[in-house]
Amino acid sequence: MRKKYLIFAIVYASLALVFGVFYREFTKAYEYTAQTTLSILHVHYLTLGMLFYLILFLFDKSINLSQSKLFNISEVVYNIGLNLMILFMLIKGILQVCNVEISTSVSGILSGFTGIAHAMLGTVLILILVSFFLIVKKQDKKKEN
């Protein structure tokens, strides 16, 4: 099971690099020099993707995360939330660079969906921490008996 966390870390690191190159080349092709949402995609994938899974890899060795149903469900929702967030940020960034005029309501919708995905991630992070606590509590109880 630990290998899964390393595979996710590699995938997210690769995506981070792809989005970093995409940002550089896409903005260069459009001669775009202003601030854009595209500039933060690679950092999000590095920290919330690669680093997150490297940390899980380290924790799994000591507390066996896969034993928790709450953790397993939370991890799936985490991946969905992270990738939805990136998708909406990508769309908004491409529209910014291409200088596509979008209405305030469309911009608000994109920001709203990005915010919902951020909220999903925040909530799931709390659930993951709770699952860590429950796993450790269960292991401590076994040691006492």
Protein backbone atom coordinates (compact mmCIF):
# COMPACT_ATOMS: atom_id res chain seq x y z
CA MET A 1 0.00 0.00 0.00
CA ARG A 2 2.90 2.37 0.71
CA LYS A 3 3.96 2.17 -2.92
CA LYS A 4 0.68 3.86 -3.88
CA TYR A 5 1.73 7.03 -2.04
CA LEU A 6 5.02 7.16 -3.91
CA ILE A 7 3.22 6.68 -7.23
CA PHE A 8 0.86 9.57 -6.40
CA ALA A 9 3.86 11.71 -5.38
CA ILE A 10 5.57 10.97 -8.71
CA VAL A 11 2.39 11.72 -10.69
CA TYR A 12 1.79 15.01 -8.89
CA ALA A 13 5.46 16.03 -9.21
CA SER A 14 5.25 15.32 -12.94
CA LEU A 15 2.03 17.32 -13.27
CA ALA A 16 3.64 20.18 -11.36
CA LEU A 17 6.51 20.24 -13.82
CA VAL A 18 4.17 20.04 -16.80
CA PHE A 19 2.10 22.96 -15.51
CA GLY A 20 5.24 24.97 -14.77
CA VAL A 21 6.42 24.55 -18.36
CA PHE A 22 2.89 25.16 -19.67
CA TYR A 23 2.69 28.42 -17.74
CA ARG A 24 6.05 29.63 -19.03
CA GLU A 25 5.48 28.67 -22.66
CA PHE A 26 1.80 29.63 -22.85
CA THR A 27 2.37 33.12 -21.44
CA LYS A 28 5.44 33.54 -23.66
CA ALA A 29 3.44 32.55 -26.77
CA TYR A 30 0.80 35.16 -25.94
CA GLU A 31 3.42 37.70 -24.79
CA TYR A 32 1.49 37.91 -21.54
CA THR A 33 3.35 39.59 -18.68
CA ALA A 34 0.62 40.36 -16.14
CA GLN A 35 -0.23 38.19 -13.15
CA THR A 36 -2.21 35.05 -13.98
CA THR A 37 -3.67 32.14 -12.07
CA LEU A 38 -1.51 29.82 -14.18
CA SER A 39 1.57 30.93 -12.24
CA ILE A 40 0.48 29.07 -9.08
CA LEU A 41 -0.66 25.75 -10.53
CA HIS A 42 2.75 24.10 -10.30
CA VAL A 43 3.18 25.16 -6.67
CA HIS A 44 -0.22 23.76 -5.77
CA TYR A 45 0.61 20.40 -7.33
CA LEU A 46 4.03 20.32 -5.67
CA THR A 47 2.78 21.07 -2.19
CA LEU A 48 -0.75 19.68 -2.14
CA GLY A 49 0.12 16.76 -4.40
CA MET A 50 3.72 15.59 -4.20
CA LEU A 51 4.62 16.75 -0.67
CA PHE A 52 1.28 15.62 0.73
CA TYR A 53 1.80 12.09 -0.58
CA LEU A 54 5.42 11.95 0.55
CA ILE A 55 4.21 12.83 4.05
CA LEU A 56 1.54 10.13 3.86
CA PHE A 57 4.21 7.67 2.76
CA LEU A 58 6.22 8.44 5.89
CA PHE A 59 3.20 8.25 8.19
CA ASP A 60 1.96 5.01 6.68
CA LYS A 61 5.15 3.25 7.71
CA SER A 62 4.46 3.95 11.36
CA ILE A 63 0.66 3.88 11.64
CA ASN A 64 -0.68 1.89 8.63
CA LEU A 65 -3.10 4.45 7.21
CA SER A 66 -4.97 2.02 4.97
CA GLN A 67 -6.57 0.39 8.01
CA SER A 68 -8.87 3.41 8.40
CA LYS A 69 -12.02 3.56 6.29
CA LEU A 70 -12.31 7.28 7.12
CA PHE A 71 -8.80 7.87 5.79
CA ASN A 72 -9.40 5.88 2.60
CA ILE A 73 -12.59 7.82 1.79
CA SER A 74 -10.94 11.12 2.68
CA GLU A 75 -8.01 10.41 0.40
CA VAL A 76 -10.30 9.83 -2.59
CA VAL A 77 -12.20 13.06 -1.89
CA TYR A 78 -8.87 14.87 -1.44
CA ASN A 79 -7.73 13.84 -4.92
CA ILE A 80 -11.04 14.90 -6.44
CA GLY A 81 -10.94 18.27 -4.68
CA LEU A 82 -7.32 18.95 -5.61
CA ASN A 83 -7.82 18.18 -9.27
CA LEU A 84 -11.10 20.11 -9.52
CA MET A 85 -9.40 23.10 -7.94
CA ILE A 86 -6.54 22.90 -10.45
CA LEU A 87 -8.99 22.48 -13.34
CA PHE A 88 -10.94 25.63 -12.49
CA MET A 89 -7.73 27.59 -11.85
CA LEU A 90 -6.41 26.37 -15.21
CA ILE A 91 -9.56 27.50 -17.03
CA LYS A 92 -9.45 30.91 -15.37
CA GLY A 93 -5.73 31.29 -16.13
CA ILE A 94 -6.13 30.38 -19.80
CA LEU A 95 -8.95 32.89 -20.14
CA GLN A 96 -6.77 35.55 -18.51
CA VAL A 97 -3.82 34.92 -20.82
CA CYS A 98 -5.99 34.73 -23.95
CA ASN A 99 -7.60 37.99 -22.83
CA VAL A 100 -11.06 36.51 -23.24
CA GLU A 101 -13.69 38.88 -21.97
CA ILE A 102 -15.88 37.01 -19.53
CA SER A 103 -18.75 38.41 -17.58
CA THR A 104 -18.47 39.10 -13.90
CA SER A 105 -20.88 36.26 -13.23
CA VAL A 106 -18.77 33.73 -15.18
CA SER A 107 -15.66 34.92 -13.37
CA GLY A 108 -17.55 34.57 -10.10
CA ILE A 109 -18.66 31.07 -11.00
CA LEU A 110 -15.09 30.00 -11.75
CA SER A 111 -13.88 31.56 -8.51
CA GLY A 112 -16.79 29.98 -6.66
CA PHE A 113 -16.02 26.49 -7.91
CA THR A 114 -12.35 26.99 -7.11
CA GLY A 115 -13.38 28.11 -3.61
CA ILE A 116 -15.61 25.07 -3.17
CA ALA A 117 -12.71 22.81 -4.16
CA HIS A 118 -10.47 24.65 -1.67
CA ALA A 119 -13.11 24.14 1.03
CA MET A 120 -13.29 20.45 0.10
CA LEU A 121 -9.54 20.17 0.57
CA GLY A 122 -9.64 21.97 3.90
CA THR A 123 -12.43 19.78 5.21
CA VAL A 124 -10.78 16.61 4.00
CA LEU A 125 -7.47 17.61 5.58
CA ILE A 126 -9.25 17.86 8.93
CA LEU A 127 -10.84 14.43 8.35
CA ILE A 128 -7.43 12.98 7.50
CA LEU A 129 -5.99 14.38 10.73
CA VAL A 130 -8.94 12.94 12.66
CA SER A 131 -8.33 9.57 11.01
CA PHE A 132 -4.66 9.78 12.09
CA PHE A 133 -5.82 10.41 15.64
CA LEU A 134 -8.28 7.51 15.58
CA ILE A 135 -5.67 5.11 14.18
CA VAL A 136 -3.12 6.08 16.83
CA LYS A 137 -5.78 5.86 19.56
CA LYS A 138 -6.72 2.36 18.36
CA GLN A 139 -3.07 1.28 18.28
CA ASP A 140 -2.46 2.67 21.76
CA LYS A 141 -5.49 0.81 23.06
CA LYS A 142 -4.14 -2.47 21.59
CA LYS A 143 -0.79 -1.89 23.31
CA GLU A 144 -2.53 -1.39 26.66
CA ASN A 145 -4.36 -4.71 26.39
